[in-house]
Amino acid sequence: MPIFVDTSAWYALIDKTDSDHASAIEFKDSLNHSMITTNYVADEIITLVKARLGYMTAVEIGKKLWNETITTLVRVSSSDEEKA
């Protein structure tokens, strides 16, 4: 079963100065399951990283998210929104 990763968890994984960085890395490294996130979360984390860590870091993480090299990206559809 995949593990859903939200914005705050992604940020802790990315920002080495985040107070939860070490525990987030430790948790990620211990996973026996793949990680998933949504296109909405990807947008949120790219925006947050750009604001806090700069444009180039946001581009780097954005490429990894959209290319699905670090997670499976589930795209939320209009139908999903209507069901929610």
N, C-alpha and C. Protein backbone atom coordinates (compact mmCIF):
# COMPACT_ATOMS: atom_id res chain seq x y z
N MET A 1 0.85 -1.18 0.00
CA MET A 1 0.00 0.00 0.00
C MET A 1 0.89 1.24 0.00
N PRO A 2 0.67 2.16 -0.94
CA PRO A 2 1.48 3.38 -1.00
C PRO A 2 1.22 4.29 0.20
N ILE A 3 2.18 5.12 0.49
CA ILE A 3 2.09 6.11 1.57
C ILE A 3 1.85 7.48 0.93
N PHE A 4 0.78 8.16 1.36
CA PHE A 4 0.49 9.50 0.84
C PHE A 4 1.40 10.52 1.52
N VAL A 5 2.02 11.37 0.72
CA VAL A 5 2.92 12.39 1.23
C VAL A 5 2.30 13.76 0.96
N ASP A 6 2.10 14.54 2.04
CA ASP A 6 1.49 15.86 1.90
C ASP A 6 2.57 16.94 1.85
N THR A 7 2.14 18.17 1.74
CA THR A 7 3.04 19.31 1.56
C THR A 7 4.05 19.45 2.69
N SER A 8 3.59 19.35 3.93
CA SER A 8 4.51 19.54 5.05
C SER A 8 5.57 18.44 5.10
N ALA A 9 5.20 17.23 4.74
CA ALA A 9 6.18 16.14 4.71
C ALA A 9 7.19 16.35 3.59
N TRP A 10 6.73 16.75 2.42
CA TRP A 10 7.66 17.05 1.33
C TRP A 10 8.64 18.15 1.74
N TYR A 11 8.09 19.19 2.38
CA TYR A 11 8.96 20.30 2.76
C TYR A 11 10.03 19.85 3.76
N ALA A 12 9.64 19.04 4.72
CA ALA A 12 10.61 18.52 5.70
C ALA A 12 11.68 17.68 5.00
N LEU A 13 11.30 16.94 3.98
CA LEU A 13 12.28 16.15 3.23
C LEU A 13 13.25 17.02 2.43
N ILE A 14 12.75 18.13 1.93
CA ILE A 14 13.54 18.98 1.02
C ILE A 14 14.45 19.96 1.77
N ASP A 15 13.92 20.61 2.78
CA ASP A 15 14.65 21.69 3.47
C ASP A 15 15.51 21.12 4.61
N LYS A 16 16.81 21.14 4.41
CA LYS A 16 17.74 20.59 5.40
C LYS A 16 17.73 21.35 6.71
N THR A 17 17.20 22.57 6.72
CA THR A 17 17.12 23.35 7.95
C THR A 17 15.79 23.17 8.68
N ASP A 18 14.87 22.46 8.08
CA ASP A 18 13.57 22.22 8.72
C ASP A 18 13.76 21.36 9.97
N SER A 19 13.03 21.69 11.02
CA SER A 19 13.20 20.98 12.30
C SER A 19 12.84 19.49 12.19
N ASP A 20 12.07 19.12 11.21
CA ASP A 20 11.67 17.72 11.03
C ASP A 20 12.44 17.01 9.92
N HIS A 21 13.46 17.67 9.37
CA HIS A 21 14.18 17.09 8.23
C HIS A 21 14.77 15.71 8.55
N ALA A 22 15.51 15.60 9.62
CA ALA A 22 16.18 14.33 9.94
C ALA A 22 15.18 13.21 10.14
N SER A 23 14.10 13.48 10.87
CA SER A 23 13.11 12.43 11.10
C SER A 23 12.36 12.09 9.81
N ALA A 24 12.13 13.07 8.96
CA ALA A 24 11.45 12.81 7.68
C ALA A 24 12.32 11.93 6.78
N ILE A 25 13.60 12.21 6.73
CA ILE A 25 14.52 11.39 5.94
C ILE A 25 14.58 9.97 6.50
N GLU A 26 14.68 9.87 7.81
CA GLU A 26 14.74 8.56 8.45
C GLU A 26 13.47 7.75 8.14
N PHE A 27 12.32 8.40 8.22
CA PHE A 27 11.06 7.73 7.94
C PHE A 27 11.01 7.29 6.48
N LYS A 28 11.35 8.19 5.56
CA LYS A 28 11.34 7.86 4.13
C LYS A 28 12.25 6.68 3.84
N ASP A 29 13.42 6.70 4.42
CA ASP A 29 14.39 5.63 4.17
C ASP A 29 13.94 4.29 4.75
N SER A 30 13.04 4.32 5.72
CA SER A 30 12.56 3.08 6.34
C SER A 30 11.34 2.50 5.64
N LEU A 31 10.78 3.24 4.69
CA LEU A 31 9.54 2.79 4.04
C LEU A 31 9.76 1.51 3.23
N ASN A 32 8.80 0.63 3.33
CA ASN A 32 8.76 -0.56 2.50
C ASN A 32 7.70 -0.42 1.41
N HIS A 33 7.12 0.78 1.33
CA HIS A 33 6.07 1.05 0.37
C HIS A 33 6.45 2.26 -0.47
N SER A 34 5.84 2.38 -1.64
CA SER A 34 6.08 3.55 -2.48
C SER A 34 5.36 4.76 -1.91
N MET A 35 5.75 5.93 -2.37
CA MET A 35 5.11 7.17 -1.95
C MET A 35 4.22 7.67 -3.09
N ILE A 36 3.09 8.27 -2.72
CA ILE A 36 2.22 8.91 -3.70
C ILE A 36 1.88 10.31 -3.21
N THR A 37 1.55 11.17 -4.15
CA THR A 37 1.07 12.51 -3.83
C THR A 37 0.16 12.94 -4.97
N THR A 38 -0.48 14.08 -4.84
CA THR A 38 -1.37 14.56 -5.89
C THR A 38 -0.76 15.75 -6.61
N ASN A 39 -1.34 16.05 -7.77
CA ASN A 39 -0.92 17.23 -8.51
C ASN A 39 -1.16 18.50 -7.69
N TYR A 40 -2.20 18.50 -6.85
CA TYR A 40 -2.45 19.67 -6.00
C TYR A 40 -1.32 19.85 -4.97
N VAL A 41 -0.91 18.76 -4.35
CA VAL A 41 0.20 18.83 -3.39
C VAL A 41 1.48 19.21 -4.11
N ALA A 42 1.71 18.68 -5.29
CA ALA A 42 2.91 19.04 -6.06
C ALA A 42 2.94 20.55 -6.31
N ASP A 43 1.80 21.11 -6.70
CA ASP A 43 1.72 22.55 -6.92
C ASP A 43 2.01 23.32 -5.64
N GLU A 44 1.45 22.87 -4.54
CA GLU A 44 1.67 23.53 -3.24
C GLU A 44 3.14 23.51 -2.84
N ILE A 45 3.79 22.35 -2.97
CA ILE A 45 5.17 22.26 -2.51
C ILE A 45 6.10 23.04 -3.43
N ILE A 46 5.83 23.04 -4.72
CA ILE A 46 6.66 23.84 -5.64
C ILE A 46 6.56 25.32 -5.29
N THR A 47 5.34 25.79 -5.02
CA THR A 47 5.13 27.19 -4.65
C THR A 47 5.82 27.52 -3.33
N LEU A 48 5.68 26.65 -2.34
CA LEU A 48 6.31 26.87 -1.04
C LEU A 48 7.83 26.87 -1.15
N VAL A 49 8.37 25.91 -1.88
CA VAL A 49 9.83 25.84 -2.04
C VAL A 49 10.35 27.08 -2.77
N LYS A 50 9.64 27.54 -3.78
CA LYS A 50 10.07 28.76 -4.48
C LYS A 50 10.11 29.94 -3.52
N ALA A 51 9.09 30.07 -2.69
CA ALA A 51 9.03 31.20 -1.74
C ALA A 51 10.12 31.14 -0.68
N ARG A 52 10.42 29.94 -0.21
CA ARG A 52 11.35 29.81 0.91
C ARG A 52 12.78 29.45 0.52
N LEU A 53 12.94 28.68 -0.55
CA LEU A 53 14.28 28.18 -0.90
C LEU A 53 14.79 28.66 -2.25
N GLY A 54 13.91 29.31 -3.02
CA GLY A 54 14.35 29.89 -4.27
C GLY A 54 13.86 29.14 -5.51
N TYR A 55 13.96 29.86 -6.60
CA TYR A 55 13.46 29.40 -7.89
C TYR A 55 14.11 28.10 -8.35
N MET A 56 15.42 28.02 -8.31
CA MET A 56 16.11 26.85 -8.84
C MET A 56 15.78 25.58 -8.05
N THR A 57 15.67 25.69 -6.75
CA THR A 57 15.30 24.53 -5.94
C THR A 57 13.88 24.10 -6.27
N ALA A 58 13.00 25.06 -6.49
CA ALA A 58 11.61 24.75 -6.87
C ALA A 58 11.56 24.05 -8.22
N VAL A 59 12.36 24.52 -9.17
CA VAL A 59 12.40 23.87 -10.49
C VAL A 59 12.90 22.44 -10.36
N GLU A 60 13.94 22.25 -9.57
CA GLU A 60 14.52 20.92 -9.38
C GLU A 60 13.49 19.94 -8.78
N ILE A 61 12.83 20.35 -7.71
CA ILE A 61 11.84 19.46 -7.09
C ILE A 61 10.63 19.30 -7.99
N GLY A 62 10.26 20.35 -8.69
CA GLY A 62 9.12 20.27 -9.61
C GLY A 62 9.34 19.24 -10.70
N LYS A 63 10.53 19.23 -11.28
CA LYS A 63 10.84 18.24 -12.32
C LYS A 63 10.75 16.82 -11.77
N LYS A 64 11.27 16.62 -10.57
CA LYS A 64 11.23 15.28 -9.96
C LYS A 64 9.80 14.83 -9.68
N LEU A 65 8.96 15.76 -9.25
CA LEU A 65 7.57 15.43 -8.97
C LEU A 65 6.81 15.15 -10.27
N TRP A 66 6.88 16.06 -11.23
CA TRP A 66 6.11 15.92 -12.47
C TRP A 66 6.61 14.75 -13.31
N ASN A 67 7.89 14.44 -13.24
CA ASN A 67 8.43 13.29 -13.99
C ASN A 67 8.25 11.98 -13.23
N GLU A 68 7.75 12.07 -12.00
CA GLU A 68 7.48 10.92 -11.14
C GLU A 68 8.74 10.10 -10.85
N THR A 69 9.86 10.78 -10.68
CA THR A 69 11.09 10.07 -10.32
C THR A 69 11.21 9.84 -8.82
N ILE A 70 10.44 10.58 -8.01
CA ILE A 70 10.53 10.43 -6.55
C ILE A 70 9.22 9.98 -5.93
N THR A 71 8.15 9.97 -6.70
CA THR A 71 6.84 9.59 -6.19
C THR A 71 5.92 9.29 -7.35
N THR A 72 4.83 8.62 -7.06
CA THR A 72 3.77 8.47 -8.05
C THR A 72 2.85 9.67 -7.90
N LEU A 73 2.54 10.31 -9.00
CA LEU A 73 1.71 11.51 -8.97
C LEU A 73 0.29 11.14 -9.40
N VAL A 74 -0.65 11.33 -8.49
CA VAL A 74 -2.06 11.08 -8.78
C VAL A 74 -2.68 12.41 -9.17
N ARG A 75 -3.24 12.46 -10.34
CA ARG A 75 -3.84 13.70 -10.82
C ARG A 75 -5.31 13.77 -10.41
N VAL A 76 -5.63 14.79 -9.63
CA VAL A 76 -7.00 15.02 -9.17
C VAL A 76 -7.79 15.56 -10.35
N SER A 77 -8.93 14.96 -10.61
CA SER A 77 -9.77 15.38 -11.73
C SER A 77 -11.00 16.14 -11.22
N SER A 78 -11.72 16.74 -12.14
CA SER A 78 -12.97 17.42 -11.79
C SER A 78 -13.95 16.44 -11.16
N SER A 79 -13.96 15.22 -11.68
CA SER A 79 -14.83 14.19 -11.13
C SER A 79 -14.45 13.87 -9.68
N ASP A 80 -13.14 13.80 -9.41
CA ASP A 80 -12.69 13.57 -8.03
C ASP A 80 -13.16 14.70 -7.11
N GLU A 81 -13.06 15.93 -7.59
CA GLU A 81 -13.48 17.07 -6.78
C GLU A 81 -14.97 17.00 -6.47
N GLU A 82 -15.76 16.62 -7.46
CA GLU A 82 -17.21 16.54 -7.27
C GLU A 82 -17.57 15.47 -6.23
N LYS A 83 -16.80 14.38 -6.21
CA LYS A 83 -17.06 13.29 -5.26
C LYS A 83 -16.64 13.65 -3.85
N ALA A 84 -15.72 14.60 -3.71
CA ALA A 84 -15.16 14.92 -2.40
C ALA A 84 -16.09 15.70 -1.52
